[in-house]
Amino acid sequence: MEAQSRLAQEIPDEVVLKTAVWGTPENCIQQLEGFIKSGLRHPILFFVPTPSDSVENMIQLFGSKVVRYFKSK
């Protein structure tokens, strides 16, 4: 995890903003739909905790909102 975190710091912000999915569940759904329309088939998920939230809570929210949305389609 430390190595991944160090490497992530080297990626320019503009690249991250164009390729990462982030924000509210609704933002994530919108971003993923755009990637899917562009050909995405196998996303790799990596959750980065914030000072106010844990990875466990982020995964639970993602599953209950974002995954549920795509399962219903």
Protein backbone atom coordinates (compact mmCIF):
# COMPACT_ATOMS: atom_id res chain seq x y z
CA MET A 1 0.00 0.00 0.00
CA GLU A 2 2.85 2.39 0.76
CA ALA A 3 4.43 1.81 -2.64
CA GLN A 4 1.10 2.38 -4.39
CA SER A 5 0.56 5.55 -2.41
CA ARG A 6 4.03 6.88 -3.32
CA LEU A 7 3.50 6.09 -7.00
CA ALA A 8 0.07 7.71 -6.97
CA GLN A 9 1.62 10.97 -5.76
CA GLU A 10 3.69 11.10 -8.97
CA ILE A 11 0.67 11.05 -11.30
CA PRO A 12 -0.25 14.56 -12.50
CA ASP A 13 -3.61 15.82 -11.23
CA GLU A 14 -4.96 16.35 -14.75
CA VAL A 15 -4.35 12.67 -15.56
CA VAL A 16 -6.02 11.54 -12.36
CA LEU A 17 -9.08 13.71 -12.99
CA LYS A 18 -9.49 12.20 -16.47
CA THR A 19 -9.09 8.56 -15.43
CA ALA A 20 -10.16 8.17 -11.81
CA VAL A 21 -13.70 7.82 -10.54
CA TRP A 22 -14.38 9.99 -7.52
CA GLY A 23 -17.02 12.02 -5.73
CA THR A 24 -20.57 11.24 -4.68
CA PRO A 25 -22.20 7.98 -5.74
CA GLU A 26 -24.06 9.93 -8.43
CA ASN A 27 -20.75 11.39 -9.70
CA CYS A 28 -19.22 7.91 -9.77
CA ILE A 29 -22.16 6.52 -11.74
CA GLN A 30 -21.93 9.33 -14.29
CA GLN A 31 -18.17 8.93 -14.68
CA LEU A 32 -18.38 5.14 -14.98
CA GLU A 33 -21.12 5.41 -17.59
CA GLY A 34 -18.82 7.63 -19.65
CA PHE A 35 -15.96 5.15 -19.34
CA ILE A 36 -18.28 2.25 -20.25
CA LYS A 37 -19.43 4.12 -23.37
CA SER A 38 -15.75 4.52 -24.26
CA GLY A 39 -15.17 0.77 -23.94
CA LEU A 40 -14.39 0.09 -20.29
CA ARG A 41 -15.18 -3.52 -19.40
CA HIS A 42 -13.10 -4.37 -16.32
CA PRO A 43 -12.59 -1.49 -13.88
CA ILE A 44 -10.02 -1.82 -11.12
CA LEU A 45 -11.26 -0.39 -7.84
CA PHE A 46 -8.95 1.26 -5.34
CA PHE A 47 -10.50 3.19 -2.47
CA VAL A 48 -8.49 5.96 -0.85
CA PRO A 49 -9.70 6.83 2.65
CA THR A 50 -10.19 10.42 3.66
CA PRO A 51 -9.61 11.88 7.12
CA SER A 52 -13.39 11.86 7.65
CA ASP A 53 -14.17 8.41 6.20
CA SER A 54 -12.85 4.85 6.24
CA VAL A 55 -12.26 2.47 3.37
CA GLU A 56 -14.93 0.17 4.81
CA ASN A 57 -17.57 2.93 4.71
CA MET A 58 -16.53 3.92 1.19
CA ILE A 59 -16.83 0.33 -0.06
CA GLN A 60 -20.23 -0.06 1.61
CA LEU A 61 -21.53 3.17 0.05
CA PHE A 62 -20.11 2.27 -3.38
CA GLY A 63 -21.72 -1.16 -3.21
CA SER A 64 -25.09 0.04 -2.00
CA LYS A 65 -25.39 2.88 -4.52
CA VAL A 66 -23.07 2.48 -7.52
CA VAL A 67 -22.94 -1.31 -7.84
CA ARG A 68 -26.66 -1.58 -7.17
CA TYR A 69 -27.31 0.97 -9.96
CA PHE A 70 -25.33 -1.03 -12.51
CA LYS A 71 -26.81 -4.36 -11.41
CA SER A 72 -30.29 -2.96 -12.03
CA LYS A 73 -29.45 -2.06 -15.66
